[in-house]
Amino acid sequence: MNFMKNSLKVLIDSSVIIESLKGNEEAERILRELIRSKEKIVLYLNPFVFNEVIFISLLYNSFISSI
């Protein structure tokens, strides 16, 4: 776990993920830069963020498929 000690820890908010899935270029850029960073970054999702992203994704996909 030495990697975790020297790492920048970042909690990803659900709005960044949801906006990225909707095609928001700024949200996509933020996630891309965090993932591709040369720095040691550990990305976190808590259960609430995970559940919200899943719920919104299901709701959005259900709405689109019913049109």
N, C-alpha and C. Protein backbone atom coordinates (compact mmCIF):
# COMPACT_ATOMS: atom_id res chain seq x y z
N MET A 1 0.80 -1.20 0.00
CA MET A 1 0.00 0.00 0.00
C MET A 1 0.85 1.27 0.00
N ASN A 2 2.12 1.14 -0.26
CA ASN A 2 2.97 2.31 -0.32
C ASN A 2 2.54 3.26 -1.42
N PHE A 3 2.01 2.71 -2.49
CA PHE A 3 1.53 3.52 -3.61
C PHE A 3 0.46 4.50 -3.14
N MET A 4 -0.42 4.05 -2.26
CA MET A 4 -1.52 4.87 -1.77
C MET A 4 -1.01 6.04 -0.92
N LYS A 5 0.09 5.83 -0.19
CA LYS A 5 0.64 6.87 0.67
C LYS A 5 1.09 8.09 -0.12
N ASN A 6 1.73 7.85 -1.23
CA ASN A 6 2.32 8.93 -2.02
C ASN A 6 1.44 9.37 -3.17
N SER A 7 0.17 9.02 -3.13
CA SER A 7 -0.74 9.31 -4.23
C SER A 7 -1.68 10.46 -3.90
N LEU A 8 -2.12 11.12 -4.94
CA LEU A 8 -3.19 12.10 -4.82
C LEU A 8 -4.50 11.34 -4.89
N LYS A 9 -5.34 11.53 -3.90
CA LYS A 9 -6.62 10.81 -3.86
C LYS A 9 -7.73 11.76 -4.31
N VAL A 10 -8.50 11.33 -5.30
CA VAL A 10 -9.54 12.17 -5.90
C VAL A 10 -10.87 11.44 -5.86
N LEU A 11 -11.86 12.05 -5.23
CA LEU A 11 -13.22 11.51 -5.24
C LEU A 11 -13.94 12.09 -6.46
N ILE A 12 -14.40 11.23 -7.33
CA ILE A 12 -15.09 11.67 -8.54
C ILE A 12 -16.57 11.87 -8.20
N ASP A 13 -17.08 13.05 -8.46
CA ASP A 13 -18.48 13.36 -8.21
C ASP A 13 -19.35 12.78 -9.32
N SER A 14 -20.55 12.40 -8.97
CA SER A 14 -21.46 11.79 -9.95
C SER A 14 -21.75 12.71 -11.12
N SER A 15 -21.80 14.00 -10.89
CA SER A 15 -22.12 14.93 -11.98
C SER A 15 -21.06 14.90 -13.08
N VAL A 16 -19.81 14.69 -12.72
CA VAL A 16 -18.74 14.61 -13.73
C VAL A 16 -18.93 13.37 -14.59
N ILE A 17 -19.24 12.26 -13.95
CA ILE A 17 -19.43 11.00 -14.70
C ILE A 17 -20.68 11.08 -15.57
N ILE A 18 -21.78 11.57 -15.01
CA ILE A 18 -23.04 11.66 -15.75
C ILE A 18 -22.89 12.61 -16.93
N GLU A 19 -22.30 13.76 -16.70
CA GLU A 19 -22.11 14.72 -17.80
C GLU A 19 -21.19 14.14 -18.88
N SER A 20 -20.20 13.39 -18.47
CA SER A 20 -19.32 12.74 -19.43
C SER A 20 -20.09 11.75 -20.29
N LEU A 21 -20.95 10.96 -19.65
CA LEU A 21 -21.77 10.00 -20.40
C LEU A 21 -22.75 10.69 -21.35
N LYS A 22 -23.16 11.91 -20.99
CA LYS A 22 -24.08 12.67 -21.85
C LYS A 22 -23.35 13.40 -22.97
N GLY A 23 -22.01 13.33 -22.97
CA GLY A 23 -21.25 13.94 -24.06
C GLY A 23 -20.69 15.31 -23.76
N ASN A 24 -20.74 15.76 -22.52
CA ASN A 24 -20.17 17.05 -22.14
C ASN A 24 -18.65 16.98 -22.28
N GLU A 25 -18.11 17.79 -23.19
CA GLU A 25 -16.68 17.73 -23.50
C GLU A 25 -15.81 18.13 -22.32
N GLU A 26 -16.24 19.08 -21.52
CA GLU A 26 -15.46 19.51 -20.36
C GLU A 26 -15.36 18.38 -19.33
N ALA A 27 -16.47 17.69 -19.06
CA ALA A 27 -16.46 16.56 -18.13
C ALA A 27 -15.59 15.43 -18.68
N GLU A 28 -15.68 15.18 -19.96
CA GLU A 28 -14.85 14.15 -20.59
C GLU A 28 -13.38 14.49 -20.46
N ARG A 29 -13.05 15.76 -20.65
CA ARG A 29 -11.65 16.21 -20.54
C ARG A 29 -11.12 16.03 -19.13
N ILE A 30 -11.94 16.37 -18.14
CA ILE A 30 -11.53 16.22 -16.74
C ILE A 30 -11.22 14.77 -16.42
N LEU A 31 -12.13 13.87 -16.78
CA LEU A 31 -11.91 12.45 -16.51
C LEU A 31 -10.70 11.92 -17.27
N ARG A 32 -10.57 12.31 -18.53
CA ARG A 32 -9.46 11.85 -19.36
C ARG A 32 -8.12 12.28 -18.75
N GLU A 33 -8.04 13.54 -18.31
CA GLU A 33 -6.79 14.04 -17.73
C GLU A 33 -6.46 13.34 -16.41
N LEU A 34 -7.47 13.05 -15.62
CA LEU A 34 -7.22 12.32 -14.37
C LEU A 34 -6.73 10.90 -14.63
N ILE A 35 -7.36 10.24 -15.59
CA ILE A 35 -7.00 8.85 -15.90
C ILE A 35 -5.62 8.77 -16.54
N ARG A 36 -5.30 9.69 -17.41
CA ARG A 36 -4.03 9.63 -18.14
C ARG A 36 -2.89 10.37 -17.46
N SER A 37 -3.12 10.92 -16.32
CA SER A 37 -2.12 11.73 -15.62
C SER A 37 -0.85 10.94 -15.35
N LYS A 38 0.28 11.61 -15.45
CA LYS A 38 1.57 11.00 -15.13
C LYS A 38 1.76 10.93 -13.62
N GLU A 39 1.00 11.72 -12.88
CA GLU A 39 1.07 11.71 -11.42
C GLU A 39 0.42 10.43 -10.89
N LYS A 40 0.75 10.09 -9.66
CA LYS A 40 0.11 8.94 -9.00
C LYS A 40 -1.22 9.41 -8.43
N ILE A 41 -2.29 9.09 -9.15
CA ILE A 41 -3.62 9.50 -8.73
C ILE A 41 -4.48 8.26 -8.51
N VAL A 42 -5.15 8.22 -7.38
CA VAL A 42 -6.10 7.15 -7.09
C VAL A 42 -7.49 7.76 -7.17
N LEU A 43 -8.31 7.24 -8.07
CA LEU A 43 -9.67 7.76 -8.25
C LEU A 43 -10.62 6.95 -7.39
N TYR A 44 -11.51 7.65 -6.70
CA TYR A 44 -12.47 7.01 -5.81
C TYR A 44 -13.90 7.30 -6.23
N LEU A 45 -14.75 6.32 -6.04
CA LEU A 45 -16.20 6.47 -6.13
C LEU A 45 -16.75 5.94 -4.82
N ASN A 46 -17.62 6.68 -4.18
CA ASN A 46 -18.26 6.10 -3.00
C ASN A 46 -19.57 5.45 -3.43
N PRO A 47 -20.19 4.66 -2.57
CA PRO A 47 -21.42 3.95 -2.96
C PRO A 47 -22.55 4.87 -3.41
N PHE A 48 -22.63 6.07 -2.84
CA PHE A 48 -23.68 7.00 -3.23
C PHE A 48 -23.48 7.50 -4.65
N VAL A 49 -22.25 7.82 -5.00
CA VAL A 49 -21.93 8.25 -6.37
C VAL A 49 -22.22 7.12 -7.34
N PHE A 50 -21.77 5.92 -7.02
CA PHE A 50 -22.01 4.76 -7.88
C PHE A 50 -23.50 4.55 -8.12
N ASN A 51 -24.28 4.55 -7.04
CA ASN A 51 -25.73 4.34 -7.17
C ASN A 51 -26.40 5.44 -7.98
N GLU A 52 -25.99 6.67 -7.78
CA GLU A 52 -26.60 7.77 -8.53
C GLU A 52 -26.29 7.66 -10.02
N VAL A 53 -25.07 7.31 -10.35
CA VAL A 53 -24.69 7.16 -11.77
C VAL A 53 -25.49 6.02 -12.40
N ILE A 54 -25.59 4.89 -11.72
CA ILE A 54 -26.36 3.76 -12.24
C ILE A 54 -27.83 4.15 -12.41
N PHE A 55 -28.41 4.79 -11.40
CA PHE A 55 -29.82 5.18 -11.46
C PHE A 55 -30.09 6.14 -12.62
N ILE A 56 -29.28 7.16 -12.74
CA ILE A 56 -29.47 8.15 -13.82
C ILE A 56 -29.25 7.49 -15.18
N SER A 57 -28.26 6.62 -15.28
CA SER A 57 -28.01 5.93 -16.55
C SER A 57 -29.19 5.07 -16.95
N LEU A 58 -29.72 4.31 -16.00
CA LEU A 58 -30.89 3.48 -16.30
C LEU A 58 -32.10 4.32 -16.67
N LEU A 59 -32.32 5.39 -15.94
CA LEU A 59 -33.44 6.29 -16.22
C LEU A 59 -33.30 6.91 -17.60
N TYR A 60 -32.12 7.41 -17.91
CA TYR A 60 -31.87 8.06 -19.20
C TYR A 60 -32.02 7.04 -20.34
N ASN A 61 -31.43 5.86 -20.19
CA ASN A 61 -31.51 4.85 -21.24
C ASN A 61 -32.94 4.33 -21.42
N SER A 62 -33.69 4.22 -20.33
CA SER A 62 -35.09 3.78 -20.42
C SER A 62 -35.93 4.83 -21.14
N PHE A 63 -35.67 6.10 -20.84
CA PHE A 63 -36.41 7.19 -21.48
C PHE A 63 -36.11 7.24 -22.97
N ILE A 64 -34.87 7.14 -23.33
CA ILE A 64 -34.47 7.20 -24.74
C ILE A 64 -35.06 6.01 -25.52
N SER A 65 -35.03 4.84 -24.92
CA SER A 65 -35.52 3.66 -25.64
C SER A 65 -37.04 3.64 -25.77
N SER A 66 -37.74 4.44 -24.95
CA SER A 66 -39.20 4.45 -25.03
C SER A 66 -39.71 5.47 -26.04
N ILE A 67 -38.82 6.26 -26.60
CA ILE A 67 -39.24 7.29 -27.58
C ILE A 67 -39.36 6.69 -28.96
